[in-house]
Amino acid sequence: MTSPSDYDNYMIVTSMEAFLIKNYGSLTMAAGNLKVSPQTINNWLKRNPRGLLKHMPTMVQQCNVTETQIMGEVLYHEEYLQGIGQFKS
């Protein structure tokens, strides 16, 4: 049987984080290409996913994704954060 402490050393990759890594190769590369700091990326992932929407036109150009895909990732991530009690509206 596993306990919560068994999972302490595992990193949970969220859908939005996977989306950024898939399209940029890493979160650090995403920060560089979007001209934001790694801390900003971290804030999007942990507190305010809507902050990413400011960079939507750049992402559409750089990643060959649609605005709808980006908005879907942001909304899904908000629901995830609400579910774990981390979303700051």
N, C-alpha and C. Protein backbone atom coordinates (compact mmCIF):
# COMPACT_ATOMS: atom_id res chain seq x y z
N MET A 1 0.85 -1.18 0.00
CA MET A 1 0.00 0.00 0.00
C MET A 1 0.89 1.24 0.00
N THR A 2 0.47 2.25 -0.73
CA THR A 2 1.26 3.48 -0.79
C THR A 2 0.66 4.54 0.12
N SER A 3 1.51 5.42 0.57
CA SER A 3 1.06 6.54 1.39
C SER A 3 1.41 7.83 0.66
N PRO A 4 0.82 8.97 1.07
CA PRO A 4 1.14 10.23 0.40
C PRO A 4 2.64 10.52 0.37
N SER A 5 3.35 10.13 1.41
CA SER A 5 4.78 10.42 1.43
C SER A 5 5.54 9.64 0.36
N ASP A 6 4.96 8.53 -0.14
CA ASP A 6 5.58 7.78 -1.21
C ASP A 6 5.66 8.60 -2.50
N TYR A 7 4.80 9.59 -2.62
CA TYR A 7 4.73 10.39 -3.83
C TYR A 7 5.49 11.72 -3.72
N ASP A 8 6.09 12.00 -2.58
CA ASP A 8 6.75 13.27 -2.37
C ASP A 8 7.87 13.53 -3.37
N ASN A 9 8.51 12.50 -3.85
CA ASN A 9 9.65 12.68 -4.75
C ASN A 9 9.26 12.67 -6.22
N TYR A 10 7.96 12.58 -6.51
CA TYR A 10 7.49 12.56 -7.88
C TYR A 10 6.95 13.93 -8.25
N MET A 11 7.23 14.33 -9.47
CA MET A 11 6.74 15.61 -9.95
C MET A 11 5.47 15.36 -10.76
N ILE A 12 4.44 16.10 -10.48
CA ILE A 12 3.20 16.00 -11.24
C ILE A 12 3.27 17.00 -12.39
N VAL A 13 3.14 16.51 -13.59
CA VAL A 13 3.15 17.37 -14.77
C VAL A 13 1.71 17.61 -15.16
N THR A 14 1.31 18.87 -15.14
CA THR A 14 -0.06 19.22 -15.48
C THR A 14 -0.22 19.29 -17.00
N SER A 15 -1.46 19.32 -17.42
CA SER A 15 -1.76 19.41 -18.84
C SER A 15 -1.16 20.68 -19.46
N MET A 16 -1.28 21.80 -18.76
CA MET A 16 -0.75 23.05 -19.29
C MET A 16 0.78 23.01 -19.35
N GLU A 17 1.38 22.43 -18.35
CA GLU A 17 2.84 22.29 -18.35
C GLU A 17 3.28 21.40 -19.51
N ALA A 18 2.59 20.31 -19.72
CA ALA A 18 2.89 19.41 -20.84
C ALA A 18 2.70 20.13 -22.18
N PHE A 19 1.67 20.96 -22.27
CA PHE A 19 1.41 21.74 -23.48
C PHE A 19 2.60 22.66 -23.78
N LEU A 20 3.11 23.36 -22.77
CA LEU A 20 4.25 24.26 -22.97
C LEU A 20 5.51 23.47 -23.35
N ILE A 21 5.74 22.36 -22.68
CA ILE A 21 6.93 21.55 -22.97
C ILE A 21 6.84 20.97 -24.38
N LYS A 22 5.66 20.50 -24.76
CA LYS A 22 5.48 19.93 -26.10
C LYS A 22 5.78 20.97 -27.18
N ASN A 23 5.34 22.20 -26.94
CA ASN A 23 5.47 23.23 -27.97
C ASN A 23 6.79 24.00 -27.92
N TYR A 24 7.47 24.00 -26.78
CA TYR A 24 8.72 24.75 -26.66
C TYR A 24 9.93 23.90 -26.29
N GLY A 25 9.73 22.67 -25.90
CA GLY A 25 10.85 21.81 -25.54
C GLY A 25 11.13 21.76 -24.05
N SER A 26 10.92 22.88 -23.37
CA SER A 26 11.08 22.96 -21.92
C SER A 26 10.40 24.23 -21.43
N LEU A 27 10.20 24.31 -20.13
CA LEU A 27 9.59 25.52 -19.56
C LEU A 27 10.56 26.70 -19.67
N THR A 28 11.85 26.43 -19.56
CA THR A 28 12.85 27.50 -19.70
C THR A 28 12.84 28.06 -21.11
N MET A 29 12.74 27.19 -22.10
CA MET A 29 12.68 27.66 -23.49
C MET A 29 11.37 28.41 -23.75
N ALA A 30 10.29 27.97 -23.12
CA ALA A 30 9.01 28.69 -23.26
C ALA A 30 9.17 30.10 -22.72
N ALA A 31 9.79 30.22 -21.55
CA ALA A 31 10.00 31.55 -20.95
C ALA A 31 10.82 32.44 -21.89
N GLY A 32 11.89 31.90 -22.43
CA GLY A 32 12.74 32.67 -23.33
C GLY A 32 12.01 33.12 -24.59
N ASN A 33 11.28 32.20 -25.20
CA ASN A 33 10.57 32.53 -26.44
C ASN A 33 9.42 33.50 -26.22
N LEU A 34 8.81 33.44 -25.04
CA LEU A 34 7.70 34.35 -24.73
C LEU A 34 8.18 35.63 -24.06
N LYS A 35 9.49 35.72 -23.84
CA LYS A 35 10.11 36.90 -23.22
C LYS A 35 9.54 37.20 -21.83
N VAL A 36 9.42 36.12 -21.03
CA VAL A 36 9.01 36.24 -19.64
C VAL A 36 10.03 35.48 -18.80
N SER A 37 9.98 35.66 -17.51
CA SER A 37 10.90 34.95 -16.63
C SER A 37 10.37 33.55 -16.33
N PRO A 38 11.26 32.64 -15.94
CA PRO A 38 10.79 31.33 -15.50
C PRO A 38 9.81 31.43 -14.32
N GLN A 39 9.97 32.45 -13.49
CA GLN A 39 9.04 32.65 -12.37
C GLN A 39 7.63 32.96 -12.88
N THR A 40 7.55 33.70 -13.98
CA THR A 40 6.24 33.99 -14.58
C THR A 40 5.57 32.70 -15.04
N ILE A 41 6.34 31.83 -15.69
CA ILE A 41 5.80 30.53 -16.11
C ILE A 41 5.30 29.77 -14.88
N ASN A 42 6.09 29.78 -13.83
CA ASN A 42 5.72 29.10 -12.58
C ASN A 42 4.42 29.67 -12.02
N ASN A 43 4.27 30.99 -12.06
CA ASN A 43 3.04 31.63 -11.57
C ASN A 43 1.83 31.20 -12.41
N TRP A 44 2.01 31.09 -13.72
CA TRP A 44 0.91 30.63 -14.58
C TRP A 44 0.49 29.22 -14.18
N LEU A 45 1.47 28.39 -13.88
CA LEU A 45 1.19 26.98 -13.57
C LEU A 45 0.63 26.79 -12.18
N LYS A 46 0.99 27.67 -11.24
CA LYS A 46 0.58 27.46 -9.85
C LYS A 46 -0.54 28.37 -9.37
N ARG A 47 -0.73 29.52 -10.02
CA ARG A 47 -1.69 30.49 -9.48
C ARG A 47 -2.61 31.14 -10.51
N ASN A 48 -2.06 31.55 -11.64
CA ASN A 48 -2.82 32.41 -12.55
C ASN A 48 -2.64 31.98 -14.00
N PRO A 49 -3.28 30.92 -14.42
CA PRO A 49 -3.11 30.46 -15.80
C PRO A 49 -3.55 31.48 -16.85
N ARG A 50 -4.46 32.36 -16.50
CA ARG A 50 -4.92 33.35 -17.48
C ARG A 50 -3.83 34.34 -17.88
N GLY A 51 -2.78 34.44 -17.10
CA GLY A 51 -1.67 35.31 -17.46
C GLY A 51 -1.05 34.92 -18.80
N LEU A 52 -1.15 33.65 -19.14
CA LEU A 52 -0.61 33.16 -20.40
C LEU A 52 -1.35 33.76 -21.60
N LEU A 53 -2.61 34.13 -21.41
CA LEU A 53 -3.42 34.62 -22.53
C LEU A 53 -2.86 35.90 -23.15
N LYS A 54 -2.13 36.68 -22.38
CA LYS A 54 -1.51 37.89 -22.91
C LYS A 54 -0.53 37.54 -24.05
N HIS A 55 0.02 36.35 -24.00
CA HIS A 55 1.02 35.92 -24.97
C HIS A 55 0.45 35.01 -26.05
N MET A 56 -0.88 34.93 -26.10
CA MET A 56 -1.53 34.05 -27.05
C MET A 56 -1.14 34.34 -28.51
N PRO A 57 -1.12 35.60 -28.97
CA PRO A 57 -0.75 35.84 -30.37
C PRO A 57 0.66 35.33 -30.70
N THR A 58 1.58 35.50 -29.77
CA THR A 58 2.95 35.02 -29.98
C THR A 58 2.96 33.50 -30.05
N MET A 59 2.22 32.84 -29.16
CA MET A 59 2.18 31.39 -29.16
C MET A 59 1.56 30.84 -30.45
N VAL A 60 0.53 31.50 -30.95
CA VAL A 60 -0.11 31.06 -32.19
C VAL A 60 0.91 31.11 -33.32
N GLN A 61 1.71 32.16 -33.37
CA GLN A 61 2.74 32.29 -34.41
C GLN A 61 3.86 31.27 -34.23
N GLN A 62 4.35 31.12 -33.01
CA GLN A 62 5.52 30.29 -32.77
C GLN A 62 5.23 28.80 -32.78
N CYS A 63 4.04 28.40 -32.37
CA CYS A 63 3.79 26.98 -32.09
C CYS A 63 2.82 26.31 -33.03
N ASN A 64 2.27 27.03 -33.97
CA ASN A 64 1.29 26.44 -34.87
C ASN A 64 0.13 25.81 -34.09
N VAL A 65 -0.39 26.57 -33.13
CA VAL A 65 -1.57 26.17 -32.37
C VAL A 65 -2.63 27.25 -32.56
N THR A 66 -3.86 26.93 -32.23
CA THR A 66 -4.93 27.90 -32.38
C THR A 66 -5.21 28.60 -31.05
N GLU A 67 -5.86 29.73 -31.14
CA GLU A 67 -6.28 30.44 -29.93
C GLU A 67 -7.21 29.56 -29.10
N THR A 68 -8.07 28.81 -29.77
CA THR A 68 -9.00 27.93 -29.07
C THR A 68 -8.27 26.87 -28.26
N GLN A 69 -7.20 26.30 -28.83
CA GLN A 69 -6.42 25.31 -28.09
C GLN A 69 -5.80 25.92 -26.84
N ILE A 70 -5.25 27.11 -26.97
CA ILE A 70 -4.62 27.77 -25.82
C ILE A 70 -5.66 28.09 -24.75
N MET A 71 -6.80 28.66 -25.17
CA MET A 71 -7.85 28.97 -24.20
C MET A 71 -8.36 27.70 -23.51
N GLY A 72 -8.45 26.62 -24.25
CA GLY A 72 -8.88 25.35 -23.66
C GLY A 72 -7.90 24.87 -22.60
N GLU A 73 -6.60 24.98 -22.88
CA GLU A 73 -5.58 24.58 -21.90
C GLU A 73 -5.68 25.44 -20.64
N VAL A 74 -5.87 26.74 -20.83
CA VAL A 74 -5.96 27.65 -19.68
C VAL A 74 -7.19 27.33 -18.84
N LEU A 75 -8.34 27.16 -19.48
CA LEU A 75 -9.57 26.86 -18.74
C LEU A 75 -9.48 25.52 -18.02
N TYR A 76 -8.93 24.52 -18.69
CA TYR A 76 -8.76 23.21 -18.07
C TYR A 76 -7.83 23.31 -16.86
N HIS A 77 -6.77 24.10 -17.01
CA HIS A 77 -5.81 24.25 -15.91
C HIS A 77 -6.43 25.00 -14.73
N GLU A 78 -7.27 25.98 -15.01
CA GLU A 78 -7.99 26.67 -13.93
C GLU A 78 -8.84 25.69 -13.14
N GLU A 79 -9.56 24.83 -13.84
CA GLU A 79 -10.39 23.84 -13.16
C GLU A 79 -9.53 22.90 -12.31
N TYR A 80 -8.37 22.52 -12.84
CA TYR A 80 -7.45 21.68 -12.08
C TYR A 80 -7.01 22.39 -10.80
N LEU A 81 -6.61 23.65 -10.91
CA LEU A 81 -6.16 24.40 -9.74
C LEU A 81 -7.29 24.59 -8.73
N GLN A 82 -8.50 24.82 -9.21
CA GLN A 82 -9.63 24.94 -8.30
C GLN A 82 -9.85 23.65 -7.55
N GLY A 83 -9.66 22.53 -8.22
CA GLY A 83 -9.85 21.23 -7.61
C GLY A 83 -8.85 20.93 -6.52
N ILE A 84 -7.64 21.48 -6.61
CA ILE A 84 -6.64 21.24 -5.58
C ILE A 84 -6.52 22.44 -4.62
N GLY A 85 -7.40 23.43 -4.81
CA GLY A 85 -7.44 24.57 -3.90
C GLY A 85 -6.32 25.58 -4.06
N GLN A 86 -5.76 25.68 -5.27
CA GLN A 86 -4.64 26.60 -5.50
C GLN A 86 -4.99 27.80 -6.35
N PHE A 87 -6.16 27.81 -6.98
CA PHE A 87 -6.50 28.88 -7.91
C PHE A 87 -6.75 30.17 -7.17
N LYS A 88 -6.11 31.25 -7.63
CA LYS A 88 -6.29 32.58 -7.04
C LYS A 88 -7.03 33.43 -8.06
N SER A 89 -8.31 33.68 -7.84
CA SER A 89 -9.09 34.49 -8.79
C SER A 89 -8.94 35.96 -8.50
